[in-house]
Amino acid sequence: MANKLGEKREIKQERAARTRMEILQASIELFARRGILATTMNELAKAIKMTPGALYWHFPTKEDLLLAAMEELHRRFIGEFTEVLTAGRKWPAKKQLVAFLERTRNFLRYHPHHGIFFAMLAAEAPNNNERIAGALREMLQLYADVLAGIMKYGQKKQEFRDDFQPRAFAHAILSAHMGLIVHQQLYAGEVTYDAMCDALDFPMLDGIDRRGR
């Protein structure tokens, strides 16, 4: 009897976890298409063919849903950087930087709505929800710290020029990539995502190279 109850409980937990993930994925895509403020919980429930009551059972507020979606995307994105954050620390600074940029490009190439979702949050949250804005700043700061660390290392090893601020550089790169994925959607018929990445990366990589001065 106890075994059967345990099995039923496990099945329910697995089903709930699967439903939660489906909600998060659908919400990320819908928020990316419609915007954070314009999308209501009722619209989301309708889009995923769920009753509003069932949706609120999983996520009591829209804020809870947004925070969970951010955490899920962060979990997916950070997995792309395992090598850079471990063995990659021994690489030359430029190789580390190129690897970071390539992994960012690959991730957003196949999941553009992930980048648009974060761009929407960055645009709408600061003036509307400080808790969301604070969580986003904290999350993005991790990536900014990695980039700034690479830039400082490159300056220390005299690979990179020393007349720029690593932290400002890091935030400029993060914001550029978030804006790039949004802009490319607007001009999808004229320019590819990879071409825009190349246009951003080529002068930047040459510009910071000490040997290129």
Protein backbone atom coordinates (compact mmCIF):
# COMPACT_ATOMS: atom_id res chain seq x y z
CA MET A 1 0.00 0.00 0.00
CA ALA A 2 2.78 2.40 0.96
CA ASN A 3 4.61 1.60 -2.28
CA LYS A 4 1.52 2.37 -4.36
CA LEU A 5 0.99 5.67 -2.57
CA GLY A 6 4.63 6.55 -3.13
CA GLU A 7 4.37 5.73 -6.84
CA LYS A 8 1.23 7.84 -7.21
CA ARG A 9 2.90 10.74 -5.43
CA GLU A 10 5.94 10.46 -7.70
CA ILE A 11 3.75 10.39 -10.83
CA LYS A 12 1.90 13.49 -9.65
CA GLN A 13 5.16 15.28 -8.94
CA GLU A 14 6.55 14.39 -12.37
CA ARG A 15 3.34 15.54 -14.04
CA ALA A 16 3.39 18.80 -12.10
CA ALA A 17 7.05 19.39 -13.01
CA ARG A 18 6.31 18.72 -16.67
CA THR A 19 3.32 21.06 -16.63
CA ARG A 20 5.38 23.75 -14.94
CA MET A 21 8.05 23.49 -17.64
CA GLU A 22 5.42 23.70 -20.39
CA ILE A 23 4.01 26.84 -18.77
CA LEU A 24 7.45 28.43 -18.56
CA GLN A 25 8.29 27.67 -22.18
CA ALA A 26 4.95 28.98 -23.45
CA SER A 27 5.20 32.11 -21.32
CA ILE A 28 8.72 32.91 -22.51
CA GLU A 29 7.61 32.71 -26.13
CA LEU A 30 4.40 34.69 -25.56
CA PHE A 31 6.12 37.41 -23.53
CA ALA A 32 8.78 37.70 -26.25
CA ARG A 33 6.09 38.17 -28.93
CA ARG A 34 3.71 40.46 -27.07
CA GLY A 35 5.77 42.15 -24.40
CA ILE A 36 5.73 41.75 -20.66
CA LEU A 37 3.19 44.43 -19.74
CA ALA A 38 0.79 43.65 -22.58
CA THR A 39 0.50 39.94 -21.77
CA THR A 40 -1.98 38.96 -19.07
CA MET A 41 -2.17 35.73 -17.12
CA ASN A 42 -5.59 35.02 -18.63
CA GLU A 43 -4.16 35.36 -22.15
CA LEU A 44 -1.32 33.06 -21.24
CA ALA A 45 -3.71 30.48 -19.79
CA LYS A 46 -5.73 30.58 -23.00
CA ALA A 47 -2.61 30.24 -25.15
CA ILE A 48 -1.52 27.07 -23.35
CA LYS A 49 -5.08 25.73 -23.12
CA MET A 50 -5.22 25.85 -19.36
CA THR A 51 -7.76 27.36 -17.02
CA PRO A 52 -6.67 30.55 -15.25
CA GLY A 53 -7.19 28.76 -11.94
CA ALA A 54 -4.78 25.98 -12.90
CA LEU A 55 -2.20 28.51 -14.04
CA TYR A 56 -2.47 30.46 -10.79
CA TRP A 57 -2.03 27.22 -8.87
CA HIS A 58 1.44 26.85 -10.39
CA PHE A 59 2.28 30.58 -10.35
CA PRO A 60 0.18 32.72 -7.97
CA THR A 61 1.24 35.99 -9.66
CA LYS A 62 2.62 37.20 -12.95
CA GLU A 63 5.71 38.30 -11.07
CA ASP A 64 6.26 34.75 -9.81
CA LEU A 65 5.98 33.47 -13.36
CA LEU A 66 8.46 35.99 -14.73
CA LEU A 67 11.00 35.23 -12.01
CA ALA A 68 10.69 31.50 -12.65
CA ALA A 69 11.07 32.02 -16.41
CA MET A 70 14.19 34.09 -15.85
CA GLU A 71 15.69 31.40 -13.65
CA GLU A 72 14.93 28.72 -16.23
CA LEU A 73 16.57 30.66 -19.05
CA HIS A 74 19.55 31.42 -16.85
CA ARG A 75 19.92 27.69 -16.15
CA ARG A 76 19.87 26.92 -19.87
CA PHE A 77 22.20 29.75 -20.83
CA ILE A 78 24.84 29.18 -18.14
CA GLY A 79 25.20 25.61 -19.34
CA GLU A 80 26.67 26.93 -22.59
CA PHE A 81 29.59 28.47 -20.73
CA THR A 82 30.82 25.53 -18.65
CA GLU A 83 34.02 25.14 -20.65
CA VAL A 84 34.79 28.86 -20.67
CA LEU A 85 34.29 29.06 -16.90
CA THR A 86 36.43 26.00 -16.13
CA ALA A 87 39.19 24.84 -18.47
CA GLY A 88 38.86 28.05 -20.47
CA ARG A 89 40.35 30.12 -17.67
CA LYS A 90 43.77 28.90 -18.79
CA TRP A 91 43.28 30.10 -22.38
CA PRO A 92 44.65 33.39 -23.73
CA ALA A 93 42.22 36.24 -23.10
CA LYS A 94 41.23 36.69 -26.74
CA LYS A 95 40.41 32.99 -27.08
CA GLN A 96 38.24 33.24 -23.95
CA LEU A 97 36.45 36.29 -25.34
CA VAL A 98 35.85 34.69 -28.73
CA ALA A 99 34.50 31.56 -27.04
CA PHE A 100 32.12 33.64 -24.93
CA LEU A 101 30.85 35.51 -27.99
CA GLU A 102 30.49 32.34 -30.06
CA ARG A 103 28.48 30.59 -27.37
CA THR A 104 26.24 33.61 -26.99
CA ARG A 105 25.72 33.72 -30.75
CA ASN A 106 24.95 30.01 -31.02
CA PHE A 107 22.48 30.09 -28.16
CA LEU A 108 20.54 33.06 -29.48
CA ARG A 109 20.68 31.82 -33.07
CA TYR A 110 18.61 28.78 -32.18
CA HIS A 111 16.59 30.41 -29.39
CA PRO A 112 15.99 34.03 -30.46
CA HIS A 113 12.90 34.38 -28.25
CA HIS A 114 15.13 33.78 -25.20
CA GLY A 115 17.13 36.90 -26.02
CA ILE A 116 14.03 38.90 -26.89
CA PHE A 117 12.45 37.90 -23.58
CA PHE A 118 15.39 39.34 -21.65
CA ALA A 119 15.41 42.44 -23.87
CA MET A 120 11.71 42.99 -23.14
CA LEU A 121 12.38 42.67 -19.41
CA ALA A 122 15.28 45.11 -19.61
CA ALA A 123 13.12 47.64 -21.45
CA GLU A 124 9.94 47.36 -19.36
CA ALA A 125 10.89 46.29 -15.84
CA PRO A 126 13.00 49.24 -14.57
CA ASN A 127 10.05 51.64 -14.59
CA ASN A 128 7.36 49.12 -13.67
CA ASN A 129 8.61 46.40 -11.33
CA GLU A 130 11.74 46.91 -9.27
CA ARG A 131 11.77 43.32 -8.00
CA ILE A 132 11.93 42.01 -11.58
CA ALA A 133 14.45 44.67 -12.58
CA GLY A 134 16.62 43.83 -9.57
CA ALA A 135 16.54 40.11 -10.32
CA LEU A 136 17.45 40.80 -13.95
CA ARG A 137 20.35 43.05 -12.98
CA GLU A 138 21.65 40.42 -10.58
CA MET A 139 21.42 37.72 -13.25
CA LEU A 140 23.05 39.75 -16.02
CA GLN A 141 25.75 40.89 -13.64
CA LEU A 142 27.10 37.34 -13.56
CA TYR A 143 27.75 37.47 -17.30
CA ALA A 144 29.11 41.00 -17.07
CA ASP A 145 31.53 39.88 -14.36
CA VAL A 146 32.79 37.03 -16.56
CA LEU A 147 33.33 39.38 -19.51
CA ALA A 148 34.97 42.06 -17.37
CA GLY A 149 37.24 39.41 -15.86
CA ILE A 150 38.35 38.32 -19.33
CA MET A 151 39.04 41.92 -20.32
CA LYS A 152 41.07 42.62 -17.15
CA TYR A 153 43.04 39.44 -17.72
CA GLY A 154 43.76 40.49 -21.30
CA GLN A 155 44.97 43.88 -20.14
CA LYS A 156 47.15 42.32 -17.45
CA LYS A 157 48.73 39.97 -20.00
CA GLN A 158 49.09 42.88 -22.43
CA GLU A 159 46.89 41.21 -25.02
CA PHE A 160 44.32 44.00 -24.91
CA ARG A 161 44.60 47.76 -24.93
CA ASP A 162 44.49 49.43 -21.54
CA ASP A 163 42.54 52.55 -22.55
CA PHE A 164 39.03 51.15 -22.01
CA GLN A 165 37.05 50.18 -18.91
CA PRO A 166 36.45 46.40 -18.69
CA ARG A 167 33.14 46.73 -16.83
CA ALA A 168 31.74 49.29 -19.26
CA PHE A 169 32.91 47.09 -22.14
CA ALA A 170 31.14 44.07 -20.62
CA HIS A 171 27.81 45.85 -20.25
CA ALA A 172 28.10 47.30 -23.76
CA ILE A 173 28.53 43.82 -25.21
CA LEU A 174 25.60 42.38 -23.26
CA SER A 175 23.27 45.21 -24.25
CA ALA A 176 24.45 45.07 -27.87
CA HIS A 177 23.58 41.39 -28.18
CA MET A 178 20.16 41.84 -26.59
CA GLY A 179 19.43 44.73 -28.93
CA LEU A 180 20.84 42.90 -31.92
CA ILE A 181 18.46 39.95 -31.64
CA VAL A 182 15.47 42.32 -31.42
CA HIS A 183 16.64 44.46 -34.34
CA GLN A 184 17.26 41.43 -36.54
CA GLN A 185 13.64 40.35 -36.08
CA LEU A 186 12.55 43.69 -37.51
CA TYR A 187 14.80 43.30 -40.56
CA ALA A 188 14.65 39.53 -40.92
CA GLY A 189 14.14 39.78 -44.68
CA GLU A 190 17.19 41.97 -45.21
CA VAL A 191 19.96 40.80 -42.91
CA THR A 192 20.83 37.60 -41.10
CA TYR A 193 21.61 37.25 -37.43
CA ASP A 194 25.10 35.89 -38.14
CA ALA A 195 25.93 38.80 -40.46
CA MET A 196 24.97 41.25 -37.74
CA CYS A 197 27.08 39.38 -35.18
CA ASP A 198 30.06 39.51 -37.54
CA ALA A 199 29.54 43.24 -38.06
CA LEU A 200 29.67 43.68 -34.28
CA ASP A 201 32.50 41.26 -33.49
CA PHE A 202 35.07 42.03 -36.19
CA PRO A 203 35.84 45.70 -35.39
CA MET A 204 35.43 45.10 -31.67
CA LEU A 205 37.93 42.23 -31.53
CA ASP A 206 40.45 44.11 -33.68
CA GLY A 207 39.86 47.31 -31.75
CA ILE A 208 40.80 45.94 -28.35
CA ASP A 209 43.81 43.97 -29.62
CA ARG A 210 46.97 45.72 -28.40
CA ARG A 211 48.86 44.52 -31.46
CA GLY A 212 46.32 46.20 -33.71
CA ARG A 213 47.17 49.72 -32.50
